[in-house]
Amino acid sequence: MCELFAISSRLPATVSLSLKTLAEHGGGSAPHADGWGIAYYREADARLIKDTSAAHESDWVRFVQSRGLSSTTIISHIRRATRGGVRL
């Protein structure tokens, strides 16, 4: 099972606080420790970051938070593997 987080807005929104809370669920306060990912638009280009490590331990989460990522469209997920292996 996964948990999802998404933003869709007219003006760019930042994800720092929301991503922090989602990452805590990613193996910290909840059992979703089998990877995470985030997709967003930077102007007309879609960007994707994904990682097999727990979100609350991920250097990529800290990287995204430190950059102050903002976009009008953002979707992120954390994964708890119930089927299949943990891989990209």
PDB file of N, CA and C in Angstrom:
ATOM      1  N   MET A   1       0.837  -1.178   0.000  1.00  0.00           N
ATOM      2  CA  MET A   1       0.000   0.000   0.000  1.00  0.00           C
ATOM      3  C   MET A   1       0.884   1.243   0.000  1.00  0.00           C
ATOM      4  N   CYS A   2       0.366   2.307  -0.534  1.00  0.00           N
ATOM      5  CA  CYS A   2       1.084   3.576  -0.604  1.00  0.00           C
ATOM      6  C   CYS A   2       0.272   4.678   0.068  1.00  0.00           C
ATOM      7  N   GLU A   3       0.969   5.749   0.382  1.00  0.00           N
ATOM      8  CA  GLU A   3       0.308   6.996   0.753  1.00  0.00           C
ATOM      9  C   GLU A   3       0.682   8.015  -0.306  1.00  0.00           C
ATOM     10  N   LEU A   4      -0.268   8.824  -0.705  1.00  0.00           N
ATOM     11  CA  LEU A   4      -0.056   9.827  -1.741  1.00  0.00           C
ATOM     12  C   LEU A   4      -0.242  11.227  -1.188  1.00  0.00           C
ATOM     13  N   PHE A   5       0.477  12.166  -1.802  1.00  0.00           N
ATOM     14  CA  PHE A   5       0.339  13.586  -1.494  1.00  0.00           C
ATOM     15  C   PHE A   5       0.389  14.324  -2.823  1.00  0.00           C
ATOM     16  N   ALA A   6      -0.507  15.269  -3.035  1.00  0.00           N
ATOM     17  CA  ALA A   6      -0.521  16.014  -4.297  1.00  0.00           C
ATOM     18  C   ALA A   6      -0.917  17.463  -4.066  1.00  0.00           C
ATOM     19  N   ILE A   7      -0.390  18.324  -4.932  1.00  0.00           N
ATOM     20  CA  ILE A   7      -0.746  19.743  -4.956  1.00  0.00           C
ATOM     21  C   ILE A   7      -1.049  20.112  -6.400  1.00  0.00           C
ATOM     22  N   SER A   8      -2.121  20.835  -6.605  1.00  0.00           N
ATOM     23  CA  SER A   8      -2.440  21.425  -7.893  1.00  0.00           C
ATOM     24  C   SER A   8      -2.971  22.825  -7.608  1.00  0.00           C
ATOM     25  N   SER A   9      -2.256  23.838  -8.097  1.00  0.00           N
ATOM     26  CA  SER A   9      -2.661  25.214  -7.794  1.00  0.00           C
ATOM     27  C   SER A   9      -2.329  26.141  -8.954  1.00  0.00           C
ATOM     28  N   ARG A  10      -2.962  27.303  -8.957  1.00  0.00           N
ATOM     29  CA  ARG A  10      -2.671  28.298  -9.997  1.00  0.00           C
ATOM     30  C   ARG A  10      -1.291  28.906  -9.806  1.00  0.00           C
ATOM     31  N   LEU A  11      -0.919  29.126  -8.539  1.00  0.00           N
ATOM     32  CA  LEU A  11       0.383  29.714  -8.224  1.00  0.00           C
ATOM     33  C   LEU A  11       1.315  28.640  -7.689  1.00  0.00           C
ATOM     34  N   PRO A  12       2.618  28.750  -7.944  1.00  0.00           N
ATOM     35  CA  PRO A  12       3.551  27.753  -7.427  1.00  0.00           C
ATOM     36  C   PRO A  12       3.482  27.647  -5.898  1.00  0.00           C
ATOM     37  N   ALA A  13       3.454  26.419  -5.424  1.00  0.00           N
ATOM     38  CA  ALA A  13       3.440  26.142  -3.987  1.00  0.00           C
ATOM     39  C   ALA A  13       4.718  25.390  -3.625  1.00  0.00           C
ATOM     40  N   THR A  14       5.214  25.602  -2.411  1.00  0.00           N
ATOM     41  CA  THR A  14       6.391  24.866  -1.954  1.00  0.00           C
ATOM     42  C   THR A  14       5.947  23.616  -1.206  1.00  0.00           C
ATOM     43  N   VAL A  15       6.824  22.617  -1.176  1.00  0.00           N
ATOM     44  CA  VAL A  15       6.467  21.341  -0.554  1.00  0.00           C
ATOM     45  C   VAL A  15       7.241  21.052   0.724  1.00  0.00           C
ATOM     46  N   SER A  16       8.039  21.981   1.195  1.00  0.00           N
ATOM     47  CA  SER A  16       8.930  21.696   2.323  1.00  0.00           C
ATOM     48  C   SER A  16       8.208  21.113   3.530  1.00  0.00           C
ATOM     49  N   LEU A  17       7.194  21.782   4.049  1.00  0.00           N
ATOM     50  CA  LEU A  17       6.501  21.308   5.244  1.00  0.00           C
ATOM     51  C   LEU A  17       5.706  20.038   4.956  1.00  0.00           C
ATOM     52  N   SER A  18       5.000  20.006   3.851  1.00  0.00           N
ATOM     53  CA  SER A  18       4.205  18.824   3.500  1.00  0.00           C
ATOM     54  C   SER A  18       5.087  17.615   3.250  1.00  0.00           C
ATOM     55  N   LEU A  19       6.225  17.818   2.582  1.00  0.00           N
ATOM     56  CA  LEU A  19       7.140  16.716   2.313  1.00  0.00           C
ATOM     57  C   LEU A  19       7.756  16.202   3.608  1.00  0.00           C
ATOM     58  N   LYS A  20       8.029  17.092   4.548  1.00  0.00           N
ATOM     59  CA  LYS A  20       8.562  16.672   5.843  1.00  0.00           C
ATOM     60  C   LYS A  20       7.584  15.729   6.544  1.00  0.00           C
ATOM     61  N   THR A  21       6.314  16.089   6.557  1.00  0.00           N
ATOM     62  CA  THR A  21       5.292  15.249   7.189  1.00  0.00           C
ATOM     63  C   THR A  21       5.151  13.915   6.462  1.00  0.00           C
ATOM     64  N   LEU A  22       5.127  13.947   5.126  1.00  0.00           N
ATOM     65  CA  LEU A  22       5.037  12.713   4.357  1.00  0.00           C
ATOM     66  C   LEU A  22       6.250  11.827   4.631  1.00  0.00           C
ATOM     67  N   ALA A  23       7.439  12.411   4.695  1.00  0.00           N
ATOM     68  CA  ALA A  23       8.663  11.646   4.939  1.00  0.00           C
ATOM     69  C   ALA A  23       8.646  10.988   6.315  1.00  0.00           C
ATOM     70  N   GLU A  24       8.072  11.644   7.307  1.00  0.00           N
ATOM     71  CA  GLU A  24       7.962  11.037   8.637  1.00  0.00           C
ATOM     72  C   GLU A  24       7.113   9.772   8.584  1.00  0.00           C
ATOM     73  N   HIS A  25       6.101   9.755   7.738  1.00  0.00           N
ATOM     74  CA  HIS A  25       5.294   8.545   7.555  1.00  0.00           C
ATOM     75  C   HIS A  25       6.081   7.487   6.794  1.00  0.00           C
ATOM     76  N   GLY A  26       7.076   7.902   6.049  1.00  0.00           N
ATOM     77  CA  GLY A  26       7.876   6.995   5.232  1.00  0.00           C
ATOM     78  C   GLY A  26       8.927   6.259   6.035  1.00  0.00           C
ATOM     79  N   GLY A  27       8.482   5.496   7.025  1.00  0.00           N
ATOM     80  CA  GLY A  27       9.392   4.684   7.829  1.00  0.00           C
ATOM     81  C   GLY A  27       9.681   5.250   9.192  1.00  0.00           C
ATOM     82  N   GLY A  28       9.274   6.479   9.452  1.00  0.00           N
ATOM     83  CA  GLY A  28       9.481   7.075  10.764  1.00  0.00           C
ATOM     84  C   GLY A  28       8.337   6.714  11.698  1.00  0.00           C
ATOM     85  N   SER A  29       7.187   7.321  11.498  1.00  0.00           N
ATOM     86  CA  SER A  29       6.026   7.089  12.370  1.00  0.00           C
ATOM     87  C   SER A  29       5.025   6.102  11.774  1.00  0.00           C
ATOM     88  N   ALA A  30       5.285   5.599  10.596  1.00  0.00           N
ATOM     89  CA  ALA A  30       4.396   4.641   9.937  1.00  0.00           C
ATOM     90  C   ALA A  30       5.253   3.631   9.165  1.00  0.00           C
ATOM     91  N   PRO A  31       4.677   2.517   8.755  1.00  0.00           N
ATOM     92  CA  PRO A  31       5.481   1.436   8.168  1.00  0.00           C
ATOM     93  C   PRO A  31       5.789   1.574   6.673  1.00  0.00           C
ATOM     94  N   HIS A  32       5.644   2.735   6.103  1.00  0.00           N
ATOM     95  CA  HIS A  32       5.856   2.922   4.663  1.00  0.00           C
ATOM     96  C   HIS A  32       7.332   3.209   4.371  1.00  0.00           C
ATOM     97  N   ALA A  33       8.187   2.194   4.564  1.00  0.00           N
ATOM     98  CA  ALA A  33       9.637   2.397   4.482  1.00  0.00           C
ATOM     99  C   ALA A  33      10.269   1.785   3.239  1.00  0.00           C
ATOM    100  N   ASP A  34       9.483   1.463   2.232  1.00  0.00           N
ATOM    101  CA  ASP A  34      10.005   0.735   1.081  1.00  0.00           C
ATOM    102  C   ASP A  34      10.152   1.588  -0.168  1.00  0.00           C
ATOM    103  N   GLY A  35      10.463   2.849   0.012  1.00  0.00           N
ATOM    104  CA  GLY A  35      10.715   3.731  -1.112  1.00  0.00           C
ATOM    105  C   GLY A  35       9.742   4.894  -1.167  1.00  0.00           C
ATOM    106  N   TRP A  36      10.079   5.837  -2.001  1.00  0.00           N
ATOM    107  CA  TRP A  36       9.254   7.037  -2.151  1.00  0.00           C
ATOM    108  C   TRP A  36       9.585   7.667  -3.496  1.00  0.00           C
ATOM    109  N   GLY A  37       8.780   8.617  -3.913  1.00  0.00           N
ATOM    110  CA  GLY A  37       9.040   9.340  -5.147  1.00  0.00           C
ATOM    111  C   GLY A  37       8.281  10.651  -5.173  1.00  0.00           C
ATOM    112  N   ILE A  38       8.750  11.549  -6.018  1.00  0.00           N
ATOM    113  CA  ILE A  38       8.073  12.831  -6.207  1.00  0.00           C
ATOM    114  C   ILE A  38       8.194  13.218  -7.683  1.00  0.00           C
ATOM    115  N   ALA A  39       7.118  13.735  -8.234  1.00  0.00           N
ATOM    116  CA  ALA A  39       7.104  14.230  -9.610  1.00  0.00           C
ATOM    117  C   ALA A  39       6.519  15.635  -9.588  1.00  0.00           C
ATOM    118  N   TYR A  40       7.084  16.508 -10.412  1.00  0.00           N
ATOM    119  CA  TYR A  40       6.618  17.892 -10.451  1.00  0.00           C
ATOM    120  C   TYR A  40       6.998  18.505 -11.788  1.00  0.00           C
ATOM    121  N   TYR A  41       6.396  19.623 -12.075  1.00  0.00           N
ATOM    122  CA  TYR A  41       6.731  20.360 -13.289  1.00  0.00           C
ATOM    123  C   TYR A  41       7.613  21.541 -12.952  1.00  0.00           C
ATOM    124  N   ARG A  42       8.665  21.727 -13.751  1.00  0.00           N
ATOM    125  CA  ARG A  42       9.491  22.920 -13.726  1.00  0.00           C
ATOM    126  C   ARG A  42       9.293  23.543 -15.095  1.00  0.00           C
ATOM    127  N   GLU A  43       8.459  24.586 -15.157  1.00  0.00           N
ATOM    128  CA  GLU A  43       7.990  25.171 -16.412  1.00  0.00           C
ATOM    129  C   GLU A  43       7.295  24.077 -17.225  1.00  0.00           C
ATOM    130  N   ALA A  44       7.749  23.767 -18.436  1.00  0.00           N
ATOM    131  CA  ALA A  44       7.074  22.753 -19.251  1.00  0.00           C
ATOM    132  C   ALA A  44       7.674  21.358 -19.088  1.00  0.00           C
ATOM    133  N   ASP A  45       8.732  21.236 -18.285  1.00  0.00           N
ATOM    134  CA  ASP A  45       9.428  19.960 -18.129  1.00  0.00           C
ATOM    135  C   ASP A  45       8.975  19.211 -16.880  1.00  0.00           C
ATOM    136  N   ALA A  46       8.643  17.942 -17.045  1.00  0.00           N
ATOM    137  CA  ALA A  46       8.309  17.091 -15.897  1.00  0.00           C
ATOM    138  C   ALA A  46       9.606  16.582 -15.278  1.00  0.00           C
ATOM    139  N   ARG A  47       9.681  16.618 -13.955  1.00  0.00           N
ATOM    140  CA  ARG A  47      10.851  16.122 -13.221  1.00  0.00           C
ATOM    141  C   ARG A  47      10.403  14.977 -12.319  1.00  0.00           C
ATOM    142  N   LEU A  48      11.263  13.999 -12.133  1.00  0.00           N
ATOM    143  CA  LEU A  48      10.937  12.840 -11.317  1.00  0.00           C
ATOM    144  C   LEU A  48      12.139  12.462 -10.465  1.00  0.00           C
ATOM    145  N   ILE A  49      11.899  12.264  -9.178  1.00  0.00           N
ATOM    146  CA  ILE A  49      12.912  11.756  -8.256  1.00  0.00           C
ATOM    147  C   ILE A  49      12.293  10.551  -7.573  1.00  0.00           C
ATOM    148  N   LYS A  50      13.011   9.425  -7.554  1.00  0.00           N
ATOM    149  CA  LYS A  50      12.513   8.260  -6.830  1.00  0.00           C
ATOM    150  C   LYS A  50      13.683   7.553  -6.163  1.00  0.00           C
ATOM    151  N   ASP A  51      13.368   6.862  -5.065  1.00  0.00           N
ATOM    152  CA  ASP A  51      14.404   6.279  -4.224  1.00  0.00           C
ATOM    153  C   ASP A  51      13.836   5.041  -3.538  1.00  0.00           C
ATOM    154  N   THR A  52      14.648   4.005  -3.386  1.00  0.00           N
ATOM    155  CA  THR A  52      14.195   2.792  -2.707  1.00  0.00           C
ATOM    156  C   THR A  52      14.388   2.857  -1.199  1.00  0.00           C
ATOM    157  N   SER A  53      15.064   3.864  -0.703  1.00  0.00           N
ATOM    158  CA  SER A  53      15.253   3.972   0.748  1.00  0.00           C
ATOM    159  C   SER A  53      14.022   4.598   1.399  1.00  0.00           C
ATOM    160  N   ALA A  54      13.918   4.425   2.703  1.00  0.00           N
ATOM    161  CA  ALA A  54      12.809   5.023   3.452  1.00  0.00           C
ATOM    162  C   ALA A  54      12.885   6.540   3.329  1.00  0.00           C
ATOM    163  N   ALA A  55      11.759   7.179   3.121  1.00  0.00           N
ATOM    164  CA  ALA A  55      11.738   8.631   2.916  1.00  0.00           C
ATOM    165  C   ALA A  55      12.316   9.384   4.105  1.00  0.00           C
ATOM    166  N   HIS A  56      12.085   8.910   5.320  1.00  0.00           N
ATOM    167  CA  HIS A  56      12.578   9.647   6.487  1.00  0.00           C
ATOM    168  C   HIS A  56      14.093   9.548   6.631  1.00  0.00           C
ATOM    169  N   GLU A  57      14.744   8.664   5.854  1.00  0.00           N
ATOM    170  CA  GLU A  57      16.206   8.531   5.868  1.00  0.00           C
ATOM    171  C   GLU A  57      16.851   9.014   4.569  1.00  0.00           C
ATOM    172  N   SER A  58      16.073   9.454   3.624  1.00  0.00           N
ATOM    173  CA  SER A  58      16.558   9.719   2.273  1.00  0.00           C
ATOM    174  C   SER A  58      17.294  11.053   2.142  1.00  0.00           C
ATOM    175  N   ASP A  59      18.489  10.977   1.560  1.00  0.00           N
ATOM    176  CA  ASP A  59      19.223  12.204   1.230  1.00  0.00           C
ATOM    177  C   ASP A  59      18.472  13.012   0.175  1.00  0.00           C
ATOM    178  N   TRP A  60      17.727  12.335  -0.705  1.00  0.00           N
ATOM    179  CA  TRP A  60      16.960  13.035  -1.740  1.00  0.00           C
ATOM    180  C   TRP A  60      15.849  13.881  -1.134  1.00  0.00           C
ATOM    181  N   VAL A  61      15.209  13.405  -0.063  1.00  0.00           N
ATOM    182  CA  VAL A  61      14.182  14.217   0.606  1.00  0.00           C
ATOM    183  C   VAL A  61      14.822  15.488   1.146  1.00  0.00           C
ATOM    184  N   ARG A  62      15.973  15.341   1.797  1.00  0.00           N
ATOM    185  CA  ARG A  62      16.668  16.525   2.334  1.00  0.00           C
ATOM    186  C   ARG A  62      17.092  17.469   1.205  1.00  0.00           C
ATOM    187  N   PHE A  63      17.511  16.912   0.074  1.00  0.00           N
ATOM    188  CA  PHE A  63      17.884  17.727  -1.081  1.00  0.00           C
ATOM    189  C   PHE A  63      16.687  18.543  -1.576  1.00  0.00           C
ATOM    190  N   VAL A  64      15.541  17.886  -1.760  1.00  0.00           N
ATOM    191  CA  VAL A  64      14.332  18.577  -2.232  1.00  0.00           C
ATOM    192  C   VAL A  64      13.928  19.664  -1.245  1.00  0.00           C
ATOM    193  N   GLN A  65      13.961  19.357   0.056  1.00  0.00           N
ATOM    194  CA  GLN A  65      13.591  20.341   1.070  1.00  0.00           C
ATOM    195  C   GLN A  65      14.546  21.530   1.058  1.00  0.00           C
ATOM    196  N   SER A  66      15.834  21.281   0.887  1.00  0.00           N
ATOM    197  CA  SER A  66      16.815  22.373   0.920  1.00  0.00           C
ATOM    198  C   SER A  66      16.709  23.287  -0.300  1.00  0.00           C
ATOM    199  N   ARG A  67      16.185  22.779  -1.401  1.00  0.00           N
ATOM    200  CA  ARG A  67      16.056  23.567  -2.635  1.00  0.00           C
ATOM    201  C   ARG A  67      14.796  24.417  -2.669  1.00  0.00           C
ATOM    202  N   GLY A  68      13.883  24.216  -1.712  1.00  0.00           N
ATOM    203  CA  GLY A  68      12.639  24.989  -1.717  1.00  0.00           C
ATOM    204  C   GLY A  68      11.819  24.747  -2.964  1.00  0.00           C
ATOM    205  N   LEU A  69      11.732  23.494  -3.375  1.00  0.00           N
ATOM    206  CA  LEU A  69      11.006  23.118  -4.576  1.00  0.00           C
ATOM    207  C   LEU A  69       9.605  23.709  -4.586  1.00  0.00           C
ATOM    208  N   SER A  70       9.251  24.339  -5.682  1.00  0.00           N
ATOM    209  CA  SER A  70       7.892  24.854  -5.832  1.00  0.00           C
ATOM    210  C   SER A  70       7.408  24.574  -7.252  1.00  0.00           C
ATOM    211  N   SER A  71       6.124  24.333  -7.357  1.00  0.00           N
ATOM    212  CA  SER A  71       5.518  24.028  -8.648  1.00  0.00           C
ATOM    213  C   SER A  71       4.005  24.186  -8.521  1.00  0.00           C
ATOM    214  N   THR A  72       3.335  24.260  -9.655  1.00  0.00           N
ATOM    215  CA  THR A  72       1.871  24.293  -9.632  1.00  0.00           C
ATOM    216  C   THR A  72       1.286  22.882  -9.597  1.00  0.00           C
ATOM    217  N   THR A  73       2.096  21.885  -9.950  1.00  0.00           N
ATOM    218  CA  THR A  73       1.639  20.493  -9.954  1.00  0.00           C
ATOM    219  C   THR A  73       2.715  19.608  -9.341  1.00  0.00           C
ATOM    220  N   ILE A  74       2.373  18.965  -8.225  1.00  0.00           N
ATOM    221  CA  ILE A  74       3.318  18.102  -7.516  1.00  0.00           C
ATOM    222  C   ILE A  74       2.562  16.867  -7.048  1.00  0.00           C
ATOM    223  N   ILE A  75       3.164  15.698  -7.227  1.00  0.00           N
ATOM    224  CA  ILE A  75       2.602  14.472  -6.650  1.00  0.00           C
ATOM    225  C   ILE A  75       3.747  13.663  -6.056  1.00  0.00           C
ATOM    226  N   SER A  76       3.519  13.132  -4.876  1.00  0.00           N
ATOM    227  CA  SER A  76       4.536  12.355  -4.184  1.00  0.00           C
ATOM    228  C   SER A  76       3.882  11.140  -3.535  1.00  0.00           C
ATOM    229  N   HIS A  77       4.682  10.105  -3.326  1.00  0.00           N
ATOM    230  CA  HIS A  77       4.158   8.911  -2.663  1.00  0.00           C
ATOM    231  C   HIS A  77       5.226   8.279  -1.782  1.00  0.00           C
ATOM    232  N   ILE A  78       4.772   7.536  -0.794  1.00  0.00           N
ATOM    233  CA  ILE A  78       5.643   6.670  -0.005  1.00  0.00           C
ATOM    234  C   ILE A  78       5.076   5.264  -0.126  1.00  0.00           C
ATOM    235  N   ARG A  79       5.958   4.266  -0.081  1.00  0.00           N
ATOM    236  CA  ARG A  79       5.533   2.896  -0.380  1.00  0.00           C
ATOM    237  C   ARG A  79       5.767   1.955   0.790  1.00  0.00           C
ATOM    238  N   ARG A  80       4.799   1.116   1.018  1.00  0.00           N
ATOM    239  CA  ARG A  80       4.946  -0.042   1.895  1.00  0.00           C
ATOM    240  C   ARG A  80       4.743  -1.254   0.997  1.00  0.00           C
ATOM    241  N   ALA A  81       5.815  -2.005   0.777  1.00  0.00           N
ATOM    242  CA  ALA A  81       5.753  -3.137  -0.148  1.00  0.00           C
ATOM    243  C   ALA A  81       4.892  -4.257   0.431  1.00  0.00           C
ATOM    244  N   THR A  82       3.797  -4.543  -0.228  1.00  0.00           N
ATOM    245  CA  THR A  82       2.966  -5.680   0.146  1.00  0.00           C
ATOM    246  C   THR A  82       3.037  -6.763  -0.922  1.00  0.00           C
ATOM    247  N   ARG A  83       3.519  -6.376  -2.096  1.00  0.00           N
ATOM    248  CA  ARG A  83       3.743  -7.319  -3.190  1.00  0.00           C
ATOM    249  C   ARG A  83       4.990  -6.868  -3.927  1.00  0.00           C
ATOM    250  N   GLY A  84       5.766  -7.804  -4.385  1.00  0.00           N
ATOM    251  CA  GLY A  84       6.944  -7.472  -5.167  1.00  0.00           C
ATOM    252  C   GLY A  84       8.101  -7.006  -4.306  1.00  0.00           C
ATOM    253  N   GLY A  85       9.260  -6.892  -4.926  1.00  0.00           N
ATOM    254  CA  GLY A  85      10.459  -6.472  -4.225  1.00  0.00           C
ATOM    255  C   GLY A  85      10.575  -4.964  -4.149  1.00  0.00           C
ATOM    256  N   VAL A  86      11.595  -4.541  -3.431  1.00  0.00           N
ATOM    257  CA  VAL A  86      11.882  -3.112  -3.308  1.00  0.00           C
ATOM    258  C   VAL A  86      12.956  -2.786  -4.337  1.00  0.00           C
ATOM    259  N   ARG A  87      12.565  -2.121  -5.405  1.00  0.00           N
ATOM    260  CA  ARG A  87      13.496  -1.753  -6.479  1.00  0.00           C
ATOM    261  C   ARG A  87      12.903  -0.604  -7.276  1.00  0.00           C
ATOM    262  N   LEU A  88      13.748   0.037  -8.072  1.00  0.00           N
ATOM    263  CA  LEU A  88      13.274   1.126  -8.932  1.00  0.00           C
ATOM    264  C   LEU A  88      12.762   0.565 -10.234  1.00  0.00           C
TER     265      LEU A  88
END
